[in-house]
Protein backbone atom coordinates (compact mmCIF):
# COMPACT_ATOMS: atom_id res chain seq x y z
CA UNK A 1 -56.34 -16.78 3.48
CA UNK A 2 -52.70 -15.93 2.67
CA UNK A 3 -50.60 -14.53 5.33
CA UNK A 4 -48.88 -12.22 2.69
CA UNK A 5 -45.89 -10.06 4.64
CA UNK A 6 -43.77 -7.66 3.66
CA UNK A 7 -42.61 -7.04 0.09
CA UNK A 8 -39.18 -10.23 -1.05
CA UNK A 9 -36.87 -7.90 -2.22
CA UNK A 10 -35.03 -7.77 -6.17
CA UNK A 11 -37.43 -8.62 -7.57
CA UNK A 12 -38.40 -8.15 -11.25
CA UNK A 13 -40.61 -5.95 -12.46
CA UNK A 14 -44.05 -6.70 -12.89
CA UNK A 15 -43.43 -9.68 -10.60
CA UNK A 16 -44.10 -9.90 -7.08
CA UNK A 17 -42.94 -11.57 -4.36
CA UNK A 18 -43.29 -11.34 -0.23
CA UNK A 19 -42.82 -13.60 2.68
CA UNK A 20 -46.03 -15.94 3.24
CA UNK A 21 -44.25 -19.57 2.63
CA UNK A 22 -43.99 -20.53 6.51
CA UNK A 23 -41.36 -22.37 8.34
CA UNK A 24 -43.56 -24.41 11.12
CA UNK A 25 -40.67 -26.35 12.75
CA UNK A 26 -40.82 -24.04 15.84
CA UNK A 27 -44.40 -25.83 17.20
CA UNK A 28 -46.12 -24.23 19.77
CA UNK A 29 -42.25 -22.05 20.76
CA UNK A 30 -42.42 -19.86 18.33
CA UNK A 31 -43.09 -17.59 15.94
CA UNK A 32 -42.76 -19.39 12.39
CA UNK A 33 -39.61 -18.13 9.65
CA UNK A 34 -41.63 -17.25 7.13
CA UNK A 35 -40.02 -17.01 3.50
CA UNK A 36 -40.76 -15.24 0.16
CA UNK A 37 -42.56 -17.00 -2.33
CA UNK A 38 -44.29 -15.78 -5.79
CA UNK A 39 -48.13 -14.46 -5.83
CA UNK A 40 -50.02 -14.25 -8.93
CA UNK A 41 -53.21 -12.91 -7.85
CA UNK A 42 -55.03 -11.42 -5.86
CA UNK A 43 -58.54 -9.96 -5.87
CA UNK A 44 -57.68 -6.89 -7.35
CA UNK A 45 -54.93 -7.71 -8.87
CA UNK A 46 -51.94 -10.35 -10.78
CA UNK A 47 -48.80 -10.91 -11.29
CA UNK A 48 -46.72 -13.15 -13.57
CA UNK A 49 -44.33 -16.01 -13.04
CA UNK A 50 -41.58 -16.20 -12.73
CA UNK A 51 -39.28 -18.72 -15.17
CA UNK A 52 -41.66 -22.20 -14.97
CA UNK A 53 -43.52 -21.41 -13.02
CA UNK A 54 -47.67 -21.69 -13.39
CA UNK A 55 -50.41 -19.44 -10.92
CA UNK A 56 -52.05 -22.21 -9.15
CA UNK A 57 -55.51 -22.37 -8.17
CA UNK A 58 -57.12 -19.06 -6.89
CA UNK A 59 -58.55 -19.99 -3.28
CA UNK A 60 -61.94 -18.56 -1.06
CA UNK A 61 -59.70 -15.37 -0.74
CA UNK A 62 -59.43 -14.96 -4.29
CA UNK A 63 -55.15 -15.59 -4.41
CA UNK A 64 -53.35 -17.56 -6.00
CA UNK A 65 -49.17 -18.03 -5.72
CA UNK A 66 -46.91 -19.88 -8.92
CA UNK A 67 -46.18 -23.26 -8.50
CA UNK A 68 -43.88 -25.69 -10.11
């Protein structure tokens, strides 16, 4: 399951970007930093992928992200 965080602002209409890509470089010493990524599917909604990105595989929770 994606840990979908806050919305990333400045995204064009019809697209959805959220903070869910994590940097685990901190290890067990603290929380991970989250970065923006484009969502293309959740259980109840679909969004377009920007540029040349395509919607990736849907996980068991019905979620997918845009991938190159």
